[in-house]
Amino acid sequence: MSFTLKDAKDVNTASLVITGLVGGWLTARETGIRPLGGVLLTAAGLWAGRSWLAKGGVPLAAGLGATYVAAFGLSHPLAKKIGAWPSVVAVTTVASGAACVLSDLKS
C-alpha cells in the first residue's frame, strides 16, 4: 500500500488552520486528553506550514505560523472573558482568514 501527498502548493491552508484549532480543542475537550488535542493542533500546523513555505517562502511561513501559534495562545485568556467556544471561534476566524487571504487566494 502506498500513498502520495498532495502538492504543497495545492493545499487549502485555511481549512487546516480550522482543523487544527477547532479540531484540537474539540478533541481535547471530548476525550479529556489534552495532549491528544495538541497532537492534532501540531499536525495541522505543520501541514499548513509546509504549504506556506512552498507558497511564499520563509517570511510567509513564519508570519502565518506565528499567527497560528498566537491564536492558540490567545484563546486561553480570551476564554476566561468570553467563554471557551466563542474564544476558539474568534481566534480561528482571524487565523484562518489570514491564511486564506495571504496564502490560499494567492496560489
PDB file of N, CA and C in Angstrom:
ATOM      1  N   MET A   1       0.842  -1.171   0.000  1.00  0.00           N
ATOM      2  CA  MET A   1       0.000   0.000   0.000  1.00  0.00           C
ATOM      3  C   MET A   1       0.891   1.239   0.000  1.00  0.00           C
ATOM      4  N   SER A   2       0.580   2.160  -0.867  1.00  0.00           N
ATOM      5  CA  SER A   2       1.359   3.394  -0.901  1.00  0.00           C
ATOM      6  C   SER A   2       0.418   4.589  -0.952  1.00  0.00           C
ATOM      7  N   PHE A   3       0.960   5.723  -0.644  1.00  0.00           N
ATOM      8  CA  PHE A   3       0.176   6.941  -0.729  1.00  0.00           C
ATOM      9  C   PHE A   3       1.097   8.078  -1.141  1.00  0.00           C
ATOM     10  N   THR A   4       0.502   9.108  -1.684  1.00  0.00           N
ATOM     11  CA  THR A   4       1.268  10.290  -2.068  1.00  0.00           C
ATOM     12  C   THR A   4       0.613  11.513  -1.448  1.00  0.00           C
ATOM     13  N   LEU A   5       1.445  12.442  -1.072  1.00  0.00           N
ATOM     14  CA  LEU A   5       0.948  13.686  -0.512  1.00  0.00           C
ATOM     15  C   LEU A   5       0.533  14.637  -1.629  1.00  0.00           C
ATOM     16  N   LYS A   6      -0.500  15.381  -1.384  1.00  0.00           N
ATOM     17  CA  LYS A   6      -0.926  16.421  -2.300  1.00  0.00           C
ATOM     18  C   LYS A   6       0.205  17.445  -2.393  1.00  0.00           C
ATOM     19  N   ASP A   7       0.410  18.004  -3.557  1.00  0.00           N
ATOM     20  CA  ASP A   7       1.441  19.018  -3.714  1.00  0.00           C
ATOM     21  C   ASP A   7       1.191  20.151  -2.717  1.00  0.00           C
ATOM     22  N   ALA A   8       2.237  20.607  -2.068  1.00  0.00           N
ATOM     23  CA  ALA A   8       2.115  21.624  -1.022  1.00  0.00           C
ATOM     24  C   ALA A   8       1.429  22.894  -1.516  1.00  0.00           C
ATOM     25  N   LYS A   9       1.636  23.253  -2.756  1.00  0.00           N
ATOM     26  CA  LYS A   9       1.036  24.479  -3.287  1.00  0.00           C
ATOM     27  C   LYS A   9      -0.462  24.331  -3.563  1.00  0.00           C
ATOM     28  N   ASP A  10      -0.975  23.111  -3.518  1.00  0.00           N
ATOM     29  CA  ASP A  10      -2.391  22.866  -3.789  1.00  0.00           C
ATOM     30  C   ASP A  10      -3.232  22.684  -2.526  1.00  0.00           C
ATOM     31  N   VAL A  11      -2.613  22.792  -1.366  1.00  0.00           N
ATOM     32  CA  VAL A  11      -3.311  22.557  -0.106  1.00  0.00           C
ATOM     33  C   VAL A  11      -4.021  23.825   0.353  1.00  0.00           C
ATOM     34  N   ASN A  12      -5.280  23.685   0.782  1.00  0.00           N
ATOM     35  CA  ASN A  12      -6.047  24.798   1.340  1.00  0.00           C
ATOM     36  C   ASN A  12      -5.668  24.930   2.814  1.00  0.00           C
ATOM     37  N   THR A  13      -4.854  25.922   3.125  1.00  0.00           N
ATOM     38  CA  THR A  13      -4.336  26.029   4.486  1.00  0.00           C
ATOM     39  C   THR A  13      -5.344  26.609   5.471  1.00  0.00           C
ATOM     40  N   ALA A  14      -6.302  27.390   4.997  1.00  0.00           N
ATOM     41  CA  ALA A  14      -7.325  27.905   5.911  1.00  0.00           C
ATOM     42  C   ALA A  14      -8.092  26.741   6.540  1.00  0.00           C
ATOM     43  N   SER A  15      -8.372  25.725   5.746  1.00  0.00           N
ATOM     44  CA  SER A  15      -9.062  24.540   6.269  1.00  0.00           C
ATOM     45  C   SER A  15      -8.210  23.810   7.302  1.00  0.00           C
ATOM     46  N   LEU A  16      -6.915  23.782   7.070  1.00  0.00           N
ATOM     47  CA  LEU A  16      -6.021  23.147   8.044  1.00  0.00           C
ATOM     48  C   LEU A  16      -5.975  23.927   9.351  1.00  0.00           C
ATOM     49  N   VAL A  17      -5.983  25.249   9.256  1.00  0.00           N
ATOM     50  CA  VAL A  17      -5.986  26.077  10.457  1.00  0.00           C
ATOM     51  C   VAL A  17      -7.261  25.811  11.264  1.00  0.00           C
ATOM     52  N   ILE A  18      -8.388  25.740  10.576  1.00  0.00           N
ATOM     53  CA  ILE A  18      -9.657  25.450  11.251  1.00  0.00           C
ATOM     54  C   ILE A  18      -9.608  24.063  11.885  1.00  0.00           C
ATOM     55  N   THR A  19      -9.104  23.102  11.149  1.00  0.00           N
ATOM     56  CA  THR A  19      -9.000  21.736  11.674  1.00  0.00           C
ATOM     57  C   THR A  19      -8.113  21.690  12.910  1.00  0.00           C
ATOM     58  N   GLY A  20      -6.977  22.381  12.850  1.00  0.00           N
ATOM     59  CA  GLY A  20      -6.049  22.358  13.974  1.00  0.00           C
ATOM     60  C   GLY A  20      -6.596  23.034  15.214  1.00  0.00           C
ATOM     61  N   LEU A  21      -7.148  24.231  15.047  1.00  0.00           N
ATOM     62  CA  LEU A  21      -7.613  24.989  16.211  1.00  0.00           C
ATOM     63  C   LEU A  21      -8.934  24.458  16.764  1.00  0.00           C
ATOM     64  N   VAL A  22      -9.921  24.301  15.911  1.00  0.00           N
ATOM     65  CA  VAL A  22     -11.215  23.807  16.384  1.00  0.00           C
ATOM     66  C   VAL A  22     -11.137  22.310  16.687  1.00  0.00           C
ATOM     67  N   GLY A  23     -10.544  21.559  15.774  1.00  0.00           N
ATOM     68  CA  GLY A  23     -10.438  20.114  15.976  1.00  0.00           C
ATOM     69  C   GLY A  23      -9.591  19.754  17.180  1.00  0.00           C
ATOM     70  N   GLY A  24      -8.499  20.471  17.364  1.00  0.00           N
ATOM     71  CA  GLY A  24      -7.651  20.218  18.529  1.00  0.00           C
ATOM     72  C   GLY A  24      -8.382  20.501  19.828  1.00  0.00           C
ATOM     73  N   TRP A  25      -9.111  21.619  19.847  1.00  0.00           N
ATOM     74  CA  TRP A  25      -9.871  21.977  21.044  1.00  0.00           C
ATOM     75  C   TRP A  25     -10.962  20.941  21.320  1.00  0.00           C
ATOM     76  N   LEU A  26     -11.715  20.570  20.285  1.00  0.00           N
ATOM     77  CA  LEU A  26     -12.781  19.584  20.472  1.00  0.00           C
ATOM     78  C   LEU A  26     -12.231  18.219  20.893  1.00  0.00           C
ATOM     79  N   THR A  27     -11.131  17.821  20.300  1.00  0.00           N
ATOM     80  CA  THR A  27     -10.522  16.542  20.660  1.00  0.00           C
ATOM     81  C   THR A  27     -10.111  16.527  22.120  1.00  0.00           C
ATOM     82  N   ALA A  28      -9.457  17.597  22.551  1.00  0.00           N
ATOM     83  CA  ALA A  28      -9.028  17.685  23.952  1.00  0.00           C
ATOM     84  C   ALA A  28     -10.231  17.711  24.893  1.00  0.00           C
ATOM     85  N   ARG A  29     -11.247  18.467  24.523  1.00  0.00           N
ATOM     86  CA  ARG A  29     -12.423  18.592  25.381  1.00  0.00           C
ATOM     87  C   ARG A  29     -13.206  17.280  25.475  1.00  0.00           C
ATOM     88  N   GLU A  30     -13.427  16.648  24.356  1.00  0.00           N
ATOM     89  CA  GLU A  30     -14.277  15.457  24.335  1.00  0.00           C
ATOM     90  C   GLU A  30     -13.582  14.200  24.852  1.00  0.00           C
ATOM     91  N   THR A  31     -12.273  14.113  24.663  1.00  0.00           N
ATOM     92  CA  THR A  31     -11.569  12.931  25.167  1.00  0.00           C
ATOM     93  C   THR A  31     -11.066  13.135  26.587  1.00  0.00           C
ATOM     94  N   GLY A  32     -10.908  14.390  26.981  1.00  0.00           N
ATOM     95  CA  GLY A  32     -10.313  14.679  28.277  1.00  0.00           C
ATOM     96  C   GLY A  32      -8.803  14.499  28.271  1.00  0.00           C
ATOM     97  N   ILE A  33      -8.243  14.250  27.104  1.00  0.00           N
ATOM     98  CA  ILE A  33      -6.802  14.049  26.965  1.00  0.00           C
ATOM     99  C   ILE A  33      -6.239  15.249  26.205  1.00  0.00           C
ATOM    100  N   ARG A  34      -5.802  16.247  26.942  1.00  0.00           N
ATOM    101  CA  ARG A  34      -5.328  17.481  26.319  1.00  0.00           C
ATOM    102  C   ARG A  34      -4.175  17.265  25.339  1.00  0.00           C
ATOM    103  N   PRO A  35      -3.213  16.403  25.657  1.00  0.00           N
ATOM    104  CA  PRO A  35      -2.133  16.182  24.695  1.00  0.00           C
ATOM    105  C   PRO A  35      -2.618  15.630  23.348  1.00  0.00           C
ATOM    106  N   LEU A  36      -3.712  14.900  23.356  1.00  0.00           N
ATOM    107  CA  LEU A  36      -4.252  14.387  22.102  1.00  0.00           C
ATOM    108  C   LEU A  36      -4.745  15.544  21.226  1.00  0.00           C
ATOM    109  N   GLY A  37      -5.372  16.522  21.834  1.00  0.00           N
ATOM    110  CA  GLY A  37      -5.755  17.726  21.103  1.00  0.00           C
ATOM    111  C   GLY A  37      -4.528  18.448  20.580  1.00  0.00           C
ATOM    112  N   GLY A  38      -3.476  18.449  21.374  1.00  0.00           N
ATOM    113  CA  GLY A  38      -2.222  19.071  20.955  1.00  0.00           C
ATOM    114  C   GLY A  38      -1.583  18.377  19.767  1.00  0.00           C
ATOM    115  N   VAL A  39      -1.757  17.068  19.686  1.00  0.00           N
ATOM    116  CA  VAL A  39      -1.236  16.317  18.539  1.00  0.00           C
ATOM    117  C   VAL A  39      -1.928  16.781  17.263  1.00  0.00           C
ATOM    118  N   LEU A  40      -3.245  16.907  17.309  1.00  0.00           N
ATOM    119  CA  LEU A  40      -3.987  17.373  16.136  1.00  0.00           C
ATOM    120  C   LEU A  40      -3.612  18.815  15.797  1.00  0.00           C
ATOM    121  N   LEU A  41      -3.524  19.660  16.802  1.00  0.00           N
ATOM    122  CA  LEU A  41      -3.125  21.055  16.610  1.00  0.00           C
ATOM    123  C   LEU A  41      -1.757  21.134  15.938  1.00  0.00           C
ATOM    124  N   THR A  42      -0.809  20.366  16.418  1.00  0.00           N
ATOM    125  CA  THR A  42       0.553  20.375  15.876  1.00  0.00           C
ATOM    126  C   THR A  42       0.600  19.813  14.462  1.00  0.00           C
ATOM    127  N   ALA A  43      -0.075  18.701  14.235  1.00  0.00           N
ATOM    128  CA  ALA A  43      -0.061  18.078  12.902  1.00  0.00           C
ATOM    129  C   ALA A  43      -0.649  19.015  11.852  1.00  0.00           C
ATOM    130  N   ALA A  44      -1.775  19.631  12.160  1.00  0.00           N
ATOM    131  CA  ALA A  44      -2.393  20.548  11.204  1.00  0.00           C
ATOM    132  C   ALA A  44      -1.505  21.768  10.969  1.00  0.00           C
ATOM    133  N   GLY A  45      -0.878  22.264  12.026  1.00  0.00           N
ATOM    134  CA  GLY A  45       0.026  23.409  11.886  1.00  0.00           C
ATOM    135  C   GLY A  45       1.247  23.096  11.037  1.00  0.00           C
ATOM    136  N   LEU A  46       1.805  21.920  11.227  1.00  0.00           N
ATOM    137  CA  LEU A  46       2.960  21.520  10.421  1.00  0.00           C
ATOM    138  C   LEU A  46       2.574  21.319   8.961  1.00  0.00           C
ATOM    139  N   TRP A  47       1.412  20.725   8.747  1.00  0.00           N
ATOM    140  CA  TRP A  47       0.937  20.501   7.377  1.00  0.00           C
ATOM    141  C   TRP A  47       0.705  21.852   6.675  1.00  0.00           C
ATOM    142  N   ALA A  48       0.079  22.791   7.379  1.00  0.00           N
ATOM    143  CA  ALA A  48      -0.129  24.122   6.809  1.00  0.00           C
ATOM    144  C   ALA A  48       1.209  24.823   6.589  1.00  0.00           C
ATOM    145  N   GLY A  49       2.118  24.691   7.537  1.00  0.00           N
ATOM    146  CA  GLY A  49       3.430  25.325   7.417  1.00  0.00           C
ATOM    147  C   GLY A  49       4.194  24.850   6.200  1.00  0.00           C
ATOM    148  N   ARG A  50       4.055  23.579   5.871  1.00  0.00           N
ATOM    149  CA  ARG A  50       4.682  23.024   4.670  1.00  0.00           C
ATOM    150  C   ARG A  50       4.178  23.771   3.434  1.00  0.00           C
ATOM    151  N   SER A  51       2.893  24.026   3.389  1.00  0.00           N
ATOM    152  CA  SER A  51       2.317  24.732   2.249  1.00  0.00           C
ATOM    153  C   SER A  51       2.699  26.208   2.246  1.00  0.00           C
ATOM    154  N   TRP A  52       2.691  26.845   3.414  1.00  0.00           N
ATOM    155  CA  TRP A  52       3.080  28.256   3.471  1.00  0.00           C
ATOM    156  C   TRP A  52       4.516  28.439   3.004  1.00  0.00           C
ATOM    157  N   LEU A  53       5.371  27.520   3.379  1.00  0.00           N
ATOM    158  CA  LEU A  53       6.763  27.585   2.951  1.00  0.00           C
ATOM    159  C   LEU A  53       6.867  27.441   1.430  1.00  0.00           C
ATOM    160  N   ALA A  54       6.115  26.511   0.864  1.00  0.00           N
ATOM    161  CA  ALA A  54       6.153  26.292  -0.586  1.00  0.00           C
ATOM    162  C   ALA A  54       5.541  27.459  -1.356  1.00  0.00           C
ATOM    163  N   LYS A  55       4.524  28.077  -0.787  1.00  0.00           N
ATOM    164  CA  LYS A  55       3.813  29.147  -1.482  1.00  0.00           C
ATOM    165  C   LYS A  55       4.486  30.508  -1.366  1.00  0.00           C
ATOM    166  N   GLY A  56       5.093  30.784  -0.227  1.00  0.00           N
ATOM    167  CA  GLY A  56       5.628  32.129  -0.024  1.00  0.00           C
ATOM    168  C   GLY A  56       6.972  32.198   0.659  1.00  0.00           C
ATOM    169  N   GLY A  57       7.614  31.067   0.846  1.00  0.00           N
ATOM    170  CA  GLY A  57       8.925  31.055   1.464  1.00  0.00           C
ATOM    171  C   GLY A  57       8.867  31.258   2.967  1.00  0.00           C
ATOM    172  N   VAL A  58      10.028  31.521   3.523  1.00  0.00           N
ATOM    173  CA  VAL A  58      10.175  31.660   4.979  1.00  0.00           C
ATOM    174  C   VAL A  58       9.345  32.811   5.545  1.00  0.00           C
ATOM    175  N   PRO A  59       9.300  33.988   4.904  1.00  0.00           N
ATOM    176  CA  PRO A  59       8.510  35.075   5.503  1.00  0.00           C
ATOM    177  C   PRO A  59       7.028  34.718   5.693  1.00  0.00           C
ATOM    178  N   LEU A  60       6.427  34.120   4.683  1.00  0.00           N
ATOM    179  CA  LEU A  60       5.014  33.745   4.799  1.00  0.00           C
ATOM    180  C   LEU A  60       4.829  32.649   5.841  1.00  0.00           C
ATOM    181  N   ALA A  61       5.676  31.640   5.795  1.00  0.00           N
ATOM    182  CA  ALA A  61       5.571  30.538   6.755  1.00  0.00           C
ATOM    183  C   ALA A  61       5.766  31.033   8.185  1.00  0.00           C
ATOM    184  N   ALA A  62       6.720  31.906   8.390  1.00  0.00           N
ATOM    185  CA  ALA A  62       6.975  32.435   9.736  1.00  0.00           C
ATOM    186  C   ALA A  62       5.814  33.302  10.209  1.00  0.00           C
ATOM    187  N   GLY A  63       5.316  34.158   9.341  1.00  0.00           N
ATOM    188  CA  GLY A  63       4.225  35.049   9.719  1.00  0.00           C
ATOM    189  C   GLY A  63       2.937  34.306  10.031  1.00  0.00           C
ATOM    190  N   LEU A  64       2.549  33.402   9.140  1.00  0.00           N
ATOM    191  CA  LEU A  64       1.314  32.657   9.375  1.00  0.00           C
ATOM    192  C   LEU A  64       1.491  31.615  10.478  1.00  0.00           C
ATOM    193  N   GLY A  65       2.692  31.062  10.599  1.00  0.00           N
ATOM    194  CA  GLY A  65       2.958  30.143  11.705  1.00  0.00           C
ATOM    195  C   GLY A  65       2.841  30.852  13.048  1.00  0.00           C
ATOM    196  N   ALA A  66       3.372  32.068  13.121  1.00  0.00           N
ATOM    197  CA  ALA A  66       3.265  32.856  14.353  1.00  0.00           C
ATOM    198  C   ALA A  66       1.808  33.212  14.647  1.00  0.00           C
ATOM    199  N   THR A  67       1.053  33.501  13.600  1.00  0.00           N
ATOM    200  CA  THR A  67      -0.372  33.804  13.776  1.00  0.00           C
ATOM    201  C   THR A  67      -1.112  32.594  14.325  1.00  0.00           C
ATOM    202  N   TYR A  68      -0.787  31.422  13.809  1.00  0.00           N
ATOM    203  CA  TYR A  68      -1.421  30.171  14.258  1.00  0.00           C
ATOM    204  C   TYR A  68      -1.105  29.905  15.735  1.00  0.00           C
ATOM    205  N   VAL A  69       0.156  30.027  16.090  1.00  0.00           N
ATOM    206  CA  VAL A  69       0.563  29.784  17.478  1.00  0.00           C
ATOM    207  C   VAL A  69      -0.038  30.851  18.401  1.00  0.00           C
ATOM    208  N   ALA A  70      -0.049  32.104  17.956  1.00  0.00           N
ATOM    209  CA  ALA A  70      -0.645  33.180  18.757  1.00  0.00           C
ATOM    210  C   ALA A  70      -2.137  32.948  18.961  1.00  0.00           C
ATOM    211  N   ALA A  71      -2.812  32.475  17.923  1.00  0.00           N
ATOM    212  CA  ALA A  71      -4.245  32.195  18.057  1.00  0.00           C
ATOM    213  C   ALA A  71      -4.486  31.155  19.144  1.00  0.00           C
ATOM    214  N   PHE A  72      -3.683  30.107  19.126  1.00  0.00           N
ATOM    215  CA  PHE A  72      -3.803  29.081  20.163  1.00  0.00           C
ATOM    216  C   PHE A  72      -3.541  29.688  21.539  1.00  0.00           C
ATOM    217  N   GLY A  73      -2.471  30.451  21.655  1.00  0.00           N
ATOM    218  CA  GLY A  73      -2.115  31.042  22.941  1.00  0.00           C
ATOM    219  C   GLY A  73      -3.126  32.048  23.443  1.00  0.00           C
ATOM    220  N   LEU A  74      -3.658  32.859  22.547  1.00  0.00           N
ATOM    221  CA  LEU A  74      -4.622  33.888  22.948  1.00  0.00           C
ATOM    222  C   LEU A  74      -5.999  33.322  23.265  1.00  0.00           C
ATOM    223  N   SER A  75      -6.295  32.142  22.752  1.00  0.00           N
ATOM    224  CA  SER A  75      -7.617  31.570  23.012  1.00  0.00           C
ATOM    225  C   SER A  75      -7.824  31.274  24.501  1.00  0.00           C
ATOM    226  N   HIS A  76      -6.751  30.972  25.204  1.00  0.00           N
ATOM    227  CA  HIS A  76      -6.885  30.623  26.617  1.00  0.00           C
ATOM    228  C   HIS A  76      -7.285  31.812  27.491  1.00  0.00           C
ATOM    229  N   PRO A  77      -6.556  32.934  27.455  1.00  0.00           N
ATOM    230  CA  PRO A  77      -7.014  34.064  28.268  1.00  0.00           C
ATOM    231  C   PRO A  77      -8.331  34.648  27.768  1.00  0.00           C
ATOM    232  N   LEU A  78      -8.554  34.599  26.462  1.00  0.00           N
ATOM    233  CA  LEU A  78      -9.809  35.102  25.913  1.00  0.00           C
ATOM    234  C   LEU A  78     -10.984  34.252  26.392  1.00  0.00           C
ATOM    235  N   ALA A  79     -10.764  32.960  26.553  1.00  0.00           N
ATOM    236  CA  ALA A  79     -11.826  32.064  27.025  1.00  0.00           C
ATOM    237  C   ALA A  79     -12.299  32.442  28.420  1.00  0.00           C
ATOM    238  N   LYS A  80     -11.427  32.976  29.229  1.00  0.00           N
ATOM    239  CA  LYS A  80     -11.811  33.392  30.578  1.00  0.00           C
ATOM    240  C   LYS A  80     -12.744  34.596  30.547  1.00  0.00           C
ATOM    241  N   LYS A  81     -12.673  35.366  29.453  1.00  0.00           N
ATOM    242  CA  LYS A  81     -13.502  36.569  29.342  1.00  0.00           C
ATOM    243  C   LYS A  81     -14.816  36.317  28.607  1.00  0.00           C
ATOM    244  N   ILE A  82     -14.779  35.506  27.545  1.00  0.00           N
ATOM    245  CA  ILE A  82     -15.981  35.342  26.724  1.00  0.00           C
ATOM    246  C   ILE A  82     -16.466  33.895  26.632  1.00  0.00           C
ATOM    247  N   GLY A  83     -15.740  32.964  27.200  1.00  0.00           N
ATOM    248  CA  GLY A  83     -16.123  31.556  27.138  1.00  0.00           C
ATOM    249  C   GLY A  83     -15.266  30.797  26.140  1.00  0.00           C
ATOM    250  N   ALA A  84     -15.208  29.498  26.324  1.00  0.00           N
ATOM    251  CA  ALA A  84     -14.317  28.667  25.511  1.00  0.00           C
ATOM    252  C   ALA A  84     -14.723  28.643  24.044  1.00  0.00           C
ATOM    253  N   TRP A  85     -15.970  28.310  23.777  1.00  0.00           N
ATOM    254  CA  TRP A  85     -16.393  28.173  22.386  1.00  0.00           C
ATOM    255  C   TRP A  85     -16.282  29.500  21.629  1.00  0.00           C
ATOM    256  N   PRO A  86     -16.786  30.628  22.155  1.00  0.00           N
ATOM    257  CA  PRO A  86     -16.621  31.895  21.434  1.00  0.00           C
ATOM    258  C   PRO A  86     -15.155  32.272  21.231  1.00  0.00           C
ATOM    259  N   SER A  87     -14.324  31.943  22.190  1.00  0.00           N
ATOM    260  CA  SER A  87     -12.902  32.235  22.073  1.00  0.00           C
ATOM    261  C   SER A  87     -12.268  31.455  20.928  1.00  0.00           C
ATOM    262  N   VAL A  88     -12.560  30.167  20.859  1.00  0.00           N
ATOM    263  CA  VAL A  88     -11.991  29.334  19.795  1.00  0.00           C
ATOM    264  C   VAL A  88     -12.482  29.819  18.431  1.00  0.00           C
ATOM    265  N   VAL A  89     -13.738  30.156  18.337  1.00  0.00           N
ATOM    266  CA  VAL A  89     -14.282  30.655  17.071  1.00  0.00           C
ATOM    267  C   VAL A  89     -13.608  31.969  16.680  1.00  0.00           C
ATOM    268  N   ALA A  90     -13.430  32.863  17.632  1.00  0.00           N
ATOM    269  CA  ALA A  90     -12.827  34.171  17.335  1.00  0.00           C
ATOM    270  C   ALA A  90     -11.393  34.036  16.830  1.00  0.00           C
ATOM    271  N   VAL A  91     -10.563  33.301  17.537  1.00  0.00           N
ATOM    272  CA  VAL A  91      -9.159  33.196  17.118  1.00  0.00           C
ATOM    273  C   VAL A  91      -9.017  32.388  15.834  1.00  0.00           C
ATOM    274  N   THR A  92      -9.888  31.398  15.664  1.00  0.00           N
ATOM    275  CA  THR A  92      -9.845  30.599  14.437  1.00  0.00           C
ATOM    276  C   THR A  92     -10.251  31.435  13.235  1.00  0.00           C
ATOM    277  N   THR A  93     -11.224  32.302  13.404  1.00  0.00           N
ATOM    278  CA  THR A  93     -11.650  33.184  12.314  1.00  0.00           C
ATOM    279  C   THR A  93     -10.509  34.081  11.861  1.00  0.00           C
ATOM    280  N   VAL A  94      -9.802  34.657  12.796  1.00  0.00           N
ATOM    281  CA  VAL A  94      -8.681  35.538  12.459  1.00  0.00           C
ATOM    282  C   VAL A  94      -7.558  34.756  11.778  1.00  0.00           C
ATOM    283  N   ALA A  95      -7.158  33.643  12.370  1.00  0.00           N
ATOM    284  CA  ALA A  95      -6.027  32.873  11.824  1.00  0.00           C
ATOM    285  C   ALA A  95      -6.354  32.245  10.470  1.00  0.00           C
ATOM    286  N   SER A  96      -7.549  31.690  10.330  1.00  0.00           N
ATOM    287  CA  SER A  96      -7.903  31.074   9.045  1.00  0.00           C
ATOM    288  C   SER A  96      -8.142  32.139   7.980  1.00  0.00           C
ATOM    289  N   GLY A  97      -8.665  33.284   8.382  1.00  0.00           N
ATOM    290  CA  GLY A  97      -8.831  34.389   7.431  1.00  0.00           C
ATOM    291  C   GLY A  97      -7.497  34.873   6.906  1.00  0.00           C
ATOM    292  N   ALA A  98      -6.522  34.994   7.788  1.00  0.00           N
ATOM    293  CA  ALA A  98      -5.181  35.404   7.365  1.00  0.00           C
ATOM    294  C   ALA A  98      -4.578  34.375   6.414  1.00  0.00           C
ATOM    295  N   ALA A  99      -4.741  33.097   6.731  1.00  0.00           N
ATOM    296  CA  ALA A  99      -4.219  32.041   5.850  1.00  0.00           C
ATOM    297  C   ALA A  99      -4.889  32.091   4.487  1.00  0.00           C
ATOM    298  N   CYS A 100      -6.179  32.322   4.481  1.00  0.00           N
ATOM    299  CA  CYS A 100      -6.917  32.381   3.219  1.00  0.00           C
ATOM    300  C   CYS A 100      -6.435  33.544   2.354  1.00  0.00           C
ATOM    301  N   VAL A 101      -6.378  34.731   2.944  1.00  0.00           N
ATOM    302  CA  VAL A 101      -6.024  35.929   2.186  1.00  0.00           C
ATOM    303  C   VAL A 101      -4.546  35.939   1.777  1.00  0.00           C
ATOM    304  N   LEU A 102      -3.667  35.591   2.695  1.00  0.00           N
ATOM    305  CA  LEU A 102      -2.234  35.708   2.430  1.00  0.00           C
ATOM    306  C   LEU A 102      -1.630  34.510   1.707  1.00  0.00           C
ATOM    307  N   SER A 103      -2.312  33.370   1.738  1.00  0.00           N
ATOM    308  CA  SER A 103      -1.741  32.181   1.121  1.00  0.00           C
ATOM    309  C   SER A 103      -2.667  31.546   0.082  1.00  0.00           C
ATOM    310  N   ASP A 104      -3.854  31.156   0.503  1.00  0.00           N
ATOM    311  CA  ASP A 104      -4.716  30.349  -0.361  1.00  0.00           C
ATOM    312  C   ASP A 104      -5.228  31.104  -1.589  1.00  0.00           C
ATOM    313  N   LEU A 105      -5.620  32.330  -1.437  1.00  0.00           N
ATOM    314  CA  LEU A 105      -6.159  33.087  -2.573  1.00  0.00           C
ATOM    315  C   LEU A 105      -5.087  33.536  -3.549  1.00  0.00           C
ATOM    316  N   LYS A 106      -3.838  33.504  -3.122  1.00  0.00           N
ATOM    317  CA  LYS A 106      -2.740  33.950  -3.987  1.00  0.00           C
ATOM    318  C   LYS A 106      -2.152  32.837  -4.822  1.00  0.00           C
ATOM    319  N   SER A 107      -2.555  31.603  -4.541  1.00  0.00           N
ATOM    320  CA  SER A 107      -1.961  30.488  -5.294  1.00  0.00           C
ATOM    321  C   SER A 107      -2.890  29.980  -6.366  1.00  0.00           C
TER     322      SER A 107
END
